[in-house]
N, C-alpha and C. Protein backbone atom coordinates (compact mmCIF):
# COMPACT_ATOMS: atom_id res chain seq x y z
N MET A 1 218.54 44.88 -37.50
CA MET A 1 217.31 43.78 -37.19
C MET A 1 217.12 43.74 -35.81
N ARG A 2 216.06 43.57 -35.56
CA ARG A 2 215.60 43.51 -33.97
C ARG A 2 215.24 41.92 -33.77
N PHE A 3 215.83 41.25 -32.69
CA PHE A 3 215.05 40.08 -32.16
C PHE A 3 214.25 40.12 -30.82
N TYR A 4 213.52 39.11 -30.72
CA TYR A 4 212.57 39.35 -29.81
C TYR A 4 212.72 37.72 -29.11
N SER A 5 212.97 37.60 -27.92
CA SER A 5 213.19 36.68 -27.14
C SER A 5 212.15 36.46 -25.91
N THR A 6 211.65 35.15 -25.76
CA THR A 6 211.03 34.85 -24.66
C THR A 6 211.22 33.40 -24.33
N ALA A 7 211.15 33.19 -23.13
CA ALA A 7 211.27 31.87 -22.50
C ALA A 7 209.95 31.39 -21.71
N TYR A 8 209.46 30.21 -22.09
CA TYR A 8 208.34 29.54 -21.37
C TYR A 8 208.67 28.47 -20.69
N LEU A 9 208.25 28.30 -19.59
CA LEU A 9 207.84 27.15 -18.60
C LEU A 9 206.35 26.71 -18.34
N ALA A 10 206.58 25.54 -19.08
CA ALA A 10 204.97 25.16 -19.35
C ALA A 10 204.91 23.56 -19.04
N TYR A 11 203.76 23.33 -18.67
CA TYR A 11 203.60 21.63 -18.37
C TYR A 11 202.61 21.07 -19.55
N GLY A 12 203.33 20.32 -20.28
CA GLY A 12 202.49 19.60 -21.38
C GLY A 12 203.35 18.57 -22.14
N ILE A 13 203.45 18.60 -23.25
CA ILE A 13 203.96 17.76 -24.52
C ILE A 13 204.04 18.43 -25.71
N GLN A 14 205.33 17.97 -26.27
CA GLN A 14 205.34 18.57 -27.68
C GLN A 14 204.86 17.51 -28.78
N ILE A 15 204.17 18.35 -29.64
CA ILE A 15 203.53 17.23 -30.57
C ILE A 15 204.51 16.87 -31.70
N PRO A 16 204.94 15.99 -31.95
CA PRO A 16 206.01 15.64 -32.85
C PRO A 16 205.25 15.94 -34.37
N ASP A 17 206.37 16.15 -35.28
CA ASP A 17 206.21 16.39 -36.57
C ASP A 17 204.94 17.37 -36.80
N THR A 18 204.88 18.30 -36.08
CA THR A 18 203.88 19.07 -36.16
C THR A 18 204.13 20.65 -36.17
N ASP A 19 203.97 21.51 -36.97
CA ASP A 19 204.50 22.87 -36.96
C ASP A 19 203.52 23.85 -37.27
N ASN A 20 203.63 25.27 -37.55
CA ASN A 20 202.79 26.08 -37.65
C ASN A 20 201.86 25.76 -38.96
N HIS A 21 201.96 25.07 -39.71
CA HIS A 21 201.01 24.73 -40.99
C HIS A 21 200.07 24.08 -40.54
N ASP A 22 200.21 23.30 -39.23
CA ASP A 22 199.07 22.58 -38.88
C ASP A 22 198.19 23.28 -37.43
N ILE A 23 198.84 24.61 -37.55
CA ILE A 23 197.88 25.24 -36.32
C ILE A 23 196.39 25.31 -36.21
N TYR A 24 195.94 25.44 -37.35
CA TYR A 24 194.43 25.30 -37.37
C TYR A 24 193.87 24.01 -37.00
N LYS A 25 194.60 22.95 -37.43
CA LYS A 25 193.86 21.82 -37.09
C LYS A 25 194.02 21.72 -35.47
N VAL A 26 195.13 21.88 -35.05
CA VAL A 26 195.12 22.00 -33.72
C VAL A 26 194.36 22.95 -32.83
N GLU A 27 193.97 24.11 -33.13
CA GLU A 27 193.18 25.18 -32.65
C GLU A 27 191.77 24.57 -32.87
N ASN A 28 191.43 23.94 -33.87
CA ASN A 28 189.87 23.47 -34.00
C ASN A 28 189.65 22.38 -32.92
N THR A 29 190.60 21.28 -32.83
CA THR A 29 190.70 20.15 -32.10
C THR A 29 190.56 20.29 -30.65
N LEU A 30 191.29 21.31 -30.16
CA LEU A 30 191.46 21.80 -29.09
C LEU A 30 190.17 22.48 -28.69
N GLN A 31 189.55 23.21 -29.50
CA GLN A 31 188.12 24.12 -29.15
C GLN A 31 187.14 22.93 -29.14
N THR A 32 187.27 22.07 -29.85
CA THR A 32 185.90 20.86 -29.93
C THR A 32 186.12 20.05 -28.52
N LEU A 33 187.47 19.75 -28.09
CA LEU A 33 187.62 19.08 -26.82
C LEU A 33 187.11 19.92 -25.79
N ASN A 34 187.59 21.34 -25.51
CA ASN A 34 187.21 22.06 -24.69
C ASN A 34 187.49 21.41 -23.12
N ASN A 35 189.02 20.81 -23.09
CA ASN A 35 189.24 20.30 -21.52
C ASN A 35 190.13 20.91 -20.88
N GLY A 36 190.41 22.41 -21.16
CA GLY A 36 191.46 22.96 -20.52
C GLY A 36 192.96 22.93 -21.19
N VAL A 37 193.14 22.26 -22.28
CA VAL A 37 194.41 22.11 -23.07
C VAL A 37 194.50 23.27 -24.07
N GLY A 38 195.73 23.82 -24.07
CA GLY A 38 196.01 25.06 -24.79
C GLY A 38 197.13 24.29 -25.74
N TYR A 39 197.73 25.43 -26.61
CA TYR A 39 199.08 25.31 -27.26
C TYR A 39 199.87 26.36 -27.14
N LEU A 40 201.14 26.18 -27.41
CA LEU A 40 202.32 27.11 -27.60
C LEU A 40 203.01 26.80 -28.67
N THR A 41 203.48 27.75 -29.38
CA THR A 41 204.56 27.79 -30.52
C THR A 41 205.85 28.21 -30.17
N ALA A 42 206.93 27.76 -30.24
CA ALA A 42 208.04 28.53 -29.89
C ALA A 42 209.00 27.66 -30.58
N GLY A 43 210.11 28.46 -30.90
CA GLY A 43 211.39 27.84 -31.60
C GLY A 43 212.21 29.13 -32.04
N ARG A 44 213.22 28.74 -32.87
CA ARG A 44 213.93 29.74 -33.46
C ARG A 44 213.51 30.27 -35.16
N PHE A 45 212.97 31.50 -35.02
CA PHE A 45 212.54 31.95 -36.09
C PHE A 45 211.51 31.33 -36.41
N GLY A 46 211.50 30.82 -38.04
CA GLY A 46 210.26 30.12 -38.61
C GLY A 46 210.18 28.76 -38.29
N ASN A 47 211.11 28.17 -37.25
CA ASN A 47 211.20 26.89 -36.85
C ASN A 47 210.64 26.73 -35.83
N ASP A 48 209.42 27.29 -35.52
CA ASP A 48 208.57 26.83 -34.18
C ASP A 48 208.11 25.34 -34.04
N ARG A 49 208.08 24.84 -32.84
CA ARG A 49 207.49 23.61 -32.53
C ARG A 49 206.10 23.99 -31.88
N VAL A 50 205.25 22.88 -31.83
CA VAL A 50 204.20 22.86 -31.17
C VAL A 50 204.05 22.21 -30.09
N TYR A 51 203.49 22.53 -28.94
CA TYR A 51 203.29 21.87 -27.66
C TYR A 51 201.77 22.28 -27.34
N LEU A 52 201.26 20.96 -26.42
CA LEU A 52 199.98 20.86 -26.20
C LEU A 52 200.59 21.23 -24.53
N THR A 53 199.54 22.43 -23.87
CA THR A 53 200.10 22.72 -22.78
C THR A 53 198.66 22.83 -21.53
N THR A 54 198.89 22.91 -20.48
CA THR A 54 197.74 23.04 -19.43
C THR A 54 198.21 24.30 -18.85
N GLU A 55 199.17 24.49 -18.22
CA GLU A 55 199.66 25.80 -17.82
C GLU A 55 201.26 26.35 -18.42
N CYS A 56 201.23 27.68 -18.52
CA CYS A 56 202.43 28.12 -19.07
C CYS A 56 202.48 29.46 -18.75
N HIS A 57 204.02 29.57 -18.09
CA HIS A 57 204.48 30.98 -17.58
C HIS A 57 205.46 31.40 -18.68
N SER A 58 205.62 32.76 -18.78
CA SER A 58 206.48 33.14 -19.89
C SER A 58 207.17 34.48 -19.40
N ALA A 59 208.65 34.75 -19.83
CA ALA A 59 209.26 35.85 -19.30
C ALA A 59 210.11 36.37 -20.53
N ASP A 60 209.98 37.41 -20.87
CA ASP A 60 210.54 38.08 -21.77
C ASP A 60 212.11 38.47 -21.23
N ALA A 61 212.98 38.73 -22.43
CA ALA A 61 214.36 38.89 -22.06
C ALA A 61 214.49 40.32 -21.03
N GLY A 62 215.23 39.89 -20.02
CA GLY A 62 215.45 40.93 -18.99
C GLY A 62 214.29 40.79 -17.67
N GLU A 63 213.33 39.85 -18.01
CA GLU A 63 212.30 39.80 -17.00
C GLU A 63 212.78 38.81 -16.00
N TYR A 64 212.20 38.89 -14.65
CA TYR A 64 212.51 37.91 -13.83
C TYR A 64 211.21 37.02 -13.30
N LEU A 65 211.23 35.71 -13.25
CA LEU A 65 210.04 35.13 -12.96
C LEU A 65 210.43 34.31 -11.86
N ALA A 66 209.92 34.13 -10.67
CA ALA A 66 210.12 33.34 -9.67
C ALA A 66 209.26 32.06 -9.50
N LEU A 67 209.76 31.07 -9.64
CA LEU A 67 209.04 30.00 -9.56
C LEU A 67 209.42 28.95 -8.51
N VAL A 68 208.56 27.96 -7.50
CA VAL A 68 208.91 27.41 -6.67
C VAL A 68 208.95 25.93 -7.04
N PRO A 69 209.93 25.31 -7.46
CA PRO A 69 209.76 23.80 -7.76
C PRO A 69 208.97 22.82 -7.09
N GLU A 70 208.96 22.70 -5.86
CA GLU A 70 208.03 22.18 -5.16
C GLU A 70 206.82 22.37 -5.18
N ILE A 71 206.15 23.43 -5.49
CA ILE A 71 204.84 23.70 -5.79
C ILE A 71 204.33 23.11 -7.21
N LEU A 72 205.26 23.38 -8.22
CA LEU A 72 205.24 22.79 -9.46
C LEU A 72 205.11 21.34 -9.57
N ALA A 73 205.70 20.71 -8.66
CA ALA A 73 205.94 19.38 -8.77
C ALA A 73 204.63 18.53 -8.13
N ASN A 74 204.07 19.40 -7.10
CA ASN A 74 203.15 18.40 -6.26
C ASN A 74 201.68 19.08 -6.41
N ARG A 75 201.48 19.73 -7.77
CA ARG A 75 200.31 20.19 -8.15
C ARG A 75 199.01 19.12 -8.07
N PRO A 76 197.94 19.44 -7.72
CA PRO A 76 197.01 18.10 -7.67
C PRO A 76 196.33 18.12 -8.68
N GLU A 77 196.57 18.83 -9.76
CA GLU A 77 195.67 19.18 -10.65
C GLU A 77 196.63 17.87 -11.93
N LEU A 78 197.94 17.62 -11.91
CA LEU A 78 198.49 17.01 -12.55
C LEU A 78 197.95 15.61 -13.04
N ALA A 79 197.12 14.88 -12.39
CA ALA A 79 196.67 13.65 -13.03
C ALA A 79 195.54 13.89 -14.01
N THR A 80 194.79 15.07 -13.68
CA THR A 80 193.65 15.54 -14.62
C THR A 80 194.30 16.30 -15.73
N TRP A 81 195.52 17.05 -15.85
CA TRP A 81 196.13 17.59 -16.68
C TRP A 81 196.73 16.57 -17.82
N ASP A 82 197.32 15.39 -17.11
CA ASP A 82 197.85 14.36 -17.84
C ASP A 82 196.79 13.77 -18.80
N ALA A 83 195.51 13.28 -18.06
CA ALA A 83 194.48 12.69 -18.88
C ALA A 83 194.15 13.56 -20.10
N ALA A 84 194.09 15.02 -19.61
CA ALA A 84 193.39 16.01 -20.96
C ALA A 84 194.51 15.94 -21.79
N LEU A 85 195.73 16.00 -21.73
CA LEU A 85 196.82 16.30 -22.55
C LEU A 85 196.88 14.98 -23.41
N LYS A 86 196.51 13.66 -22.92
CA LYS A 86 196.66 12.42 -23.63
C LYS A 86 195.58 12.51 -24.59
N ALA A 87 194.25 12.88 -23.96
CA ALA A 87 193.43 12.72 -25.12
C ALA A 87 193.37 13.87 -26.01
N ALA A 88 193.94 15.01 -25.85
CA ALA A 88 194.17 16.15 -27.07
C ALA A 88 194.97 15.46 -28.05
N ALA A 89 196.36 14.82 -27.34
CA ALA A 89 197.15 14.27 -28.35
C ALA A 89 196.78 13.34 -29.36
N GLU A 90 195.68 12.43 -28.69
CA GLU A 90 195.23 11.46 -29.31
C GLU A 90 194.12 11.97 -30.32
N ALA A 91 193.41 12.94 -29.92
CA ALA A 91 192.47 13.36 -30.93
C ALA A 91 193.37 14.10 -32.12
N LEU A 92 194.47 14.50 -32.05
CA LEU A 92 195.28 14.97 -33.09
C LEU A 92 196.03 13.86 -33.74
N GLY A 93 195.91 12.49 -33.68
CA GLY A 93 196.33 11.30 -34.18
C GLY A 93 197.68 11.22 -33.64
N HIS A 94 197.97 11.61 -32.29
CA HIS A 94 199.51 11.12 -31.85
C HIS A 94 199.11 10.13 -30.60
N THR A 95 199.29 9.02 -30.97
CA THR A 95 199.02 8.05 -29.79
C THR A 95 200.50 7.55 -29.04
N ASP A 96 201.57 8.00 -29.47
CA ASP A 96 202.65 7.57 -28.83
C ASP A 96 203.52 8.73 -28.46
N THR A 97 203.04 9.42 -27.58
CA THR A 97 203.67 10.84 -27.03
C THR A 97 204.25 10.38 -25.62
N PRO A 98 205.39 11.24 -25.46
CA PRO A 98 205.78 10.98 -24.04
C PRO A 98 204.77 11.46 -23.01
N ALA A 99 205.25 11.15 -21.63
CA ALA A 99 204.60 11.40 -20.42
C ALA A 99 204.60 13.03 -20.54
N PRO A 100 203.35 13.65 -20.07
CA PRO A 100 203.35 14.95 -19.81
C PRO A 100 204.54 15.55 -18.84
N HIS A 101 205.21 16.57 -18.89
CA HIS A 101 206.19 17.09 -17.91
C HIS A 101 206.17 18.45 -17.99
N TRP A 102 206.72 19.19 -16.93
CA TRP A 102 207.42 20.64 -16.90
C TRP A 102 208.51 20.77 -17.82
N PHE A 103 208.47 21.59 -18.66
CA PHE A 103 209.34 21.86 -19.82
C PHE A 103 209.70 23.44 -19.91
N LEU A 104 210.88 23.59 -20.16
CA LEU A 104 211.52 25.12 -20.57
C LEU A 104 211.98 25.25 -21.80
N THR A 105 211.48 26.13 -22.56
CA THR A 105 211.84 26.30 -24.11
C THR A 105 211.93 27.68 -24.37
N ALA A 106 212.55 28.18 -25.43
CA ALA A 106 212.40 29.54 -25.78
C ALA A 106 212.09 30.00 -27.08
N ASP A 107 211.95 30.91 -27.30
CA ASP A 107 211.25 31.31 -28.51
C ASP A 107 211.93 32.41 -29.04
N LEU A 108 212.47 32.64 -30.12
CA LEU A 108 213.16 33.39 -30.82
C LEU A 108 212.59 34.15 -32.17
N ASP A 109 212.17 35.48 -32.23
CA ASP A 109 211.63 35.71 -33.42
C ASP A 109 212.46 37.17 -33.90
N ASN A 110 212.12 37.53 -34.95
CA ASN A 110 212.64 38.97 -35.42
C ASN A 110 211.52 39.82 -36.11
């Protein structure tokens, strides 16, 4: 059996109690909003979590990705991204989400 692993560094929020079964609702809602918010699914095998994101970087196993923390933290777009992510979460029925942030997550599939 072969395993595939990818790491993601993204700016956004996890949408609680949402999984791949709800992905069509997420896709349709984001397409309707058209405000620059996308989504990411990542997790272990069939237990992916859904994240709303505005920027996402990925690296497969063995790849090297250099990022400068100061540049990530001082992006002028952050306020705009925060508002867009909040609007997307609310459109999906999630009014009590954490503040958007940079996060690192892994995806493992076979």
